[in-house]
Amino acid sequence: MPELVFFSGTMDCGKSTLALQIEHNRSARGLQGMIFTRDDRAGEGKLSSRLGLVTDAVEVADGQDLYVHLVDHLSQGRRADYVIADEAQFLAPEQIDQLARVVDDLDLDVYAFGITTDFRSKLFPGSQRLVELADRVEVLQVEALCWCGARATHNARTLGGHMVVEGAQVVVGDVNQPDIGYEVLCRRHHRRRMTAATARASALSPDVLPVETV
């Protein structure tokens, strides 16, 4: 039976790399996929990984009906044997509903990839809807690490190296705002708003008291 599968994890855990691997494996068997993405780091209409791999994709627009897009594609005699949706956290909840309809009505597997929570530890609406609707939710096993070496569980937005907890939910890093970045942290350091940069600054500060060891 076709499935809607949500592959989730923090940044840097290999979501887009896995999406590209699934695309490669299936295309090598003669299958053709429809790839959706939104706000990819490589630019419009691209699915890319931090390892440097990239392929073309359909850039999803606000209000676009993904089910209708697939129906139109198939009605023109073109193939779609499966669907990949990367950066799925940026999709609207109704677009997630449309992906579920693709599975149920068109009998196509849909593989969605995305981070679950934003820099404030709040669920993205698209990710929340995927958790509600997916046949399976797979947490990726490639662990991203906090600067301290612990397992990273939270995504942080940084401005000039300092963690921020206010602002728009969706801001793509490295796009006309070079000071904006993202970093994965463990829960402890996310709560303390301590990034790698601020940790280094604290270690170098003369105001930091030495830890007494007995």
Protein backbone atom coordinates (compact mmCIF):
# COMPACT_ATOMS: atom_id res chain seq x y z
CA MET A 1 0.00 0.00 0.00
CA PRO A 2 1.28 3.51 -0.78
CA GLU A 3 2.33 5.54 2.26
CA LEU A 4 2.87 9.10 3.39
CA VAL A 5 6.17 8.94 5.26
CA PHE A 6 7.61 11.87 7.22
CA PHE A 7 11.38 11.80 7.73
CA SER A 8 12.19 14.29 10.46
CA GLY A 9 15.15 15.47 12.47
CA THR A 10 17.18 18.54 13.33
CA MET A 11 19.25 20.44 10.83
CA ASP A 12 22.45 18.69 9.73
CA CYS A 13 21.03 15.18 10.22
CA GLY A 14 20.99 14.29 6.51
CA LYS A 15 17.35 14.76 5.52
CA SER A 16 18.02 16.24 2.08
CA THR A 17 20.83 13.74 1.49
CA LEU A 18 18.39 10.91 2.13
CA ALA A 19 15.83 12.54 -0.18
CA LEU A 20 18.44 12.64 -2.94
CA GLN A 21 19.41 9.02 -2.24
CA ILE A 22 15.78 7.89 -2.54
CA GLU A 23 15.52 9.78 -5.82
CA HIS A 24 18.73 8.20 -7.10
CA ASN A 25 17.75 4.65 -6.13
CA ARG A 26 14.34 4.86 -7.76
CA SER A 27 15.45 6.63 -10.92
CA ALA A 28 18.16 3.97 -11.32
CA ARG A 29 15.32 1.42 -11.49
CA GLY A 30 13.56 3.35 -14.25
CA LEU A 31 11.05 5.10 -12.00
CA GLN A 32 10.23 8.79 -12.34
CA GLY A 33 9.46 11.00 -9.38
CA MET A 34 7.90 14.38 -8.76
CA ILE A 35 10.09 16.44 -6.44
CA PHE A 36 8.66 19.38 -4.52
CA THR A 37 10.70 21.79 -2.44
CA ARG A 38 10.49 25.23 -0.93
CA ASP A 39 13.14 27.76 0.11
CA ASP A 40 16.08 25.43 -0.49
CA ARG A 41 19.53 26.79 0.33
CA ALA A 42 20.60 26.32 -3.31
CA GLY A 43 17.87 28.59 -4.63
CA GLU A 44 14.50 28.33 -6.32
CA GLY A 45 13.54 24.99 -7.85
CA LYS A 46 16.44 23.04 -6.32
CA LEU A 47 16.80 20.18 -3.88
CA SER A 48 20.26 20.21 -2.37
CA SER A 49 22.21 18.70 0.49
CA ARG A 50 25.05 20.15 2.53
CA LEU A 51 27.30 17.52 0.93
CA GLY A 52 27.04 19.42 -2.37
CA LEU A 53 24.53 17.18 -4.17
CA VAL A 54 21.73 18.96 -6.03
CA THR A 55 18.87 18.19 -8.40
CA ASP A 56 16.01 20.11 -10.00
CA ALA A 57 12.66 20.32 -8.23
CA VAL A 58 9.29 22.07 -8.41
CA GLU A 59 9.30 25.18 -6.23
CA VAL A 60 6.07 25.22 -4.23
CA ALA A 61 4.24 28.54 -4.16
CA ASP A 62 1.84 29.91 -1.57
CA GLY A 63 -1.63 28.51 -2.19
CA GLN A 64 -0.47 26.00 -4.78
CA ASP A 65 -2.55 22.81 -4.85
CA LEU A 66 -0.07 19.93 -4.98
CA TYR A 67 -2.76 17.35 -5.70
CA VAL A 68 -4.01 19.33 -8.71
CA HIS A 69 -0.41 19.75 -9.88
CA LEU A 70 0.05 15.95 -9.88
CA VAL A 71 -3.31 15.35 -11.60
CA ASP A 72 -2.45 17.87 -14.34
CA HIS A 73 0.98 16.29 -14.77
CA LEU A 74 -0.48 12.81 -15.15
CA SER A 75 -3.32 14.01 -17.39
CA GLN A 76 -0.76 15.26 -19.89
CA GLY A 77 0.55 11.72 -20.27
CA ARG A 78 3.62 12.24 -18.11
CA ARG A 79 4.78 9.88 -15.38
CA ALA A 80 5.06 10.21 -11.63
CA ASP A 81 5.76 6.97 -9.79
CA TYR A 82 6.39 8.60 -6.40
CA VAL A 83 6.62 12.03 -4.78
CA ILE A 84 9.38 13.63 -2.72
CA ALA A 85 8.64 16.78 -0.70
CA ASP A 86 11.72 18.38 0.84
CA GLU A 87 11.65 21.30 3.30
CA ALA A 88 8.15 20.09 4.11
CA GLN A 89 8.05 22.17 7.28
CA PHE A 90 7.54 25.22 5.05
CA LEU A 91 4.40 23.81 3.42
CA ALA A 92 0.98 24.94 4.57
CA PRO A 93 -1.17 22.41 6.47
CA GLU A 94 -3.62 22.26 3.57
CA GLN A 95 -0.73 21.33 1.24
CA ILE A 96 0.09 18.44 3.57
CA ASP A 97 -3.56 17.37 3.26
CA GLN A 98 -3.09 17.45 -0.51
CA LEU A 99 -0.04 15.17 -0.25
CA ALA A 100 -2.10 12.73 1.81
CA ARG A 101 -4.72 12.80 -0.93
CA VAL A 102 -2.02 12.00 -3.50
CA VAL A 103 -1.30 8.82 -1.52
CA ASP A 104 -4.95 7.84 -1.05
CA ASP A 105 -6.42 8.80 -4.43
CA LEU A 106 -3.47 8.47 -6.83
CA ASP A 107 -1.81 5.48 -5.13
CA LEU A 108 1.61 7.12 -5.02
CA ASP A 109 4.15 6.94 -2.22
CA VAL A 110 4.97 10.37 -0.78
CA TYR A 111 8.25 10.90 1.09
CA ALA A 112 8.30 14.16 3.04
CA PHE A 113 11.43 15.53 4.68
CA GLY A 114 11.66 18.37 7.16
CA ILE A 115 12.60 19.66 10.57
CA THR A 116 9.90 19.44 13.20
CA THR A 117 10.39 22.57 15.30
CA ASP A 118 11.58 26.10 14.63
CA PHE A 119 14.21 28.17 16.43
CA ARG A 120 11.74 28.82 19.27
CA SER A 121 11.11 25.08 19.76
CA LYS A 122 7.60 25.51 18.32
CA LEU A 123 6.16 23.10 15.78
CA PHE A 124 6.08 24.26 12.18
CA PRO A 125 2.44 24.06 10.99
CA GLY A 126 3.44 21.83 8.07
CA SER A 127 5.38 19.47 10.32
CA GLN A 128 2.56 19.34 12.83
CA ARG A 129 0.12 18.32 10.10
CA LEU A 130 2.55 15.66 8.87
CA VAL A 131 2.79 14.17 12.35
CA GLU A 132 -1.01 14.10 12.45
CA LEU A 133 -1.49 12.50 9.02
CA ALA A 134 1.60 10.46 8.15
CA ASP A 135 1.39 6.69 7.94
CA ARG A 136 4.89 6.63 9.39
CA VAL A 137 7.16 9.16 11.07
CA GLU A 138 10.83 8.25 10.81
CA VAL A 139 13.36 10.10 13.00
CA LEU A 140 16.67 10.07 11.17
CA GLN A 141 19.41 8.22 13.00
CA VAL A 142 22.34 10.37 11.86
CA GLU A 143 22.80 12.43 15.02
CA ALA A 144 23.72 16.07 14.71
CA LEU A 145 25.89 17.26 17.59
CA CYS A 146 25.79 20.37 19.73
CA TRP A 147 29.06 22.30 20.10
CA CYS A 148 29.48 20.62 23.51
CA GLY A 149 29.42 17.15 21.92
CA ALA A 150 25.97 16.17 23.20
CA ARG A 151 23.18 15.05 20.85
CA ALA A 152 21.62 18.12 19.23
CA THR A 153 17.83 18.21 19.59
CA HIS A 154 17.00 21.87 18.96
CA ASN A 155 17.44 24.30 16.06
CA ALA A 156 18.72 27.76 16.95
CA ARG A 157 18.74 30.93 14.87
CA THR A 158 21.74 33.15 15.35
CA LEU A 159 22.42 36.79 14.60
CA GLY A 160 26.10 37.61 14.59
CA GLY A 161 26.75 34.40 16.51
CA HIS A 162 24.20 35.14 19.24
CA MET A 163 21.02 33.11 19.58
CA VAL A 164 17.74 34.96 18.96
CA VAL A 165 14.24 33.86 19.98
CA GLU A 166 12.12 36.44 18.18
CA GLY A 167 11.33 37.13 14.53
CA ALA A 168 9.59 35.51 11.59
CA GLN A 169 9.28 31.74 11.73
CA VAL A 170 10.73 31.29 8.23
CA VAL A 171 13.99 33.05 7.40
CA VAL A 172 16.37 31.30 5.02
CA GLY A 173 19.97 31.73 6.15
CA ASP A 174 22.67 33.13 3.91
CA VAL A 175 20.16 34.99 1.69
CA ASN A 176 20.91 38.73 1.63
CA GLN A 177 21.40 38.63 5.41
CA PRO A 178 24.92 37.30 6.02
CA ASP A 179 24.73 37.76 9.80
CA ILE A 180 21.79 35.35 10.09
CA GLY A 181 22.72 31.73 10.62
CA TYR A 182 21.47 28.51 12.16
CA GLU A 183 23.03 26.16 14.65
CA VAL A 184 21.91 22.91 16.26
CA LEU A 185 22.09 22.73 20.05
CA CYS A 186 21.29 20.33 22.84
CA ARG A 187 18.28 21.27 24.96
CA ARG A 188 20.45 22.55 27.82
CA HIS A 189 22.35 25.03 25.70
CA HIS A 190 19.26 26.01 23.73
CA ARG A 191 17.57 26.91 27.04
CA ARG A 192 20.65 28.88 28.07
CA ARG A 193 20.91 30.49 24.60
CA MET A 194 24.55 29.47 24.47
CA THR A 195 25.88 29.03 20.96
CA ALA A 196 29.40 27.95 20.03
CA ALA A 197 30.37 31.60 19.57
CA THR A 198 29.01 32.76 22.93
CA ALA A 199 30.57 29.75 24.64
CA ARG A 200 33.97 30.68 23.24
CA ALA A 201 33.46 34.30 24.28
CA SER A 202 32.52 33.22 27.81
CA ALA A 203 35.59 31.00 28.07
CA LEU A 204 37.82 33.92 27.09
CA SER A 205 36.09 36.44 29.35
CA PRO A 206 38.07 37.54 32.46
CA ASP A 207 34.75 37.67 34.34
CA VAL A 208 34.29 33.92 34.14
CA LEU A 209 35.12 32.36 37.50
CA PRO A 210 37.30 29.25 37.45
CA VAL A 211 35.63 25.98 38.39
CA GLU A 212 37.00 24.63 41.63
CA THR A 213 38.04 20.99 41.51
CA VAL A 214 38.63 18.99 44.65
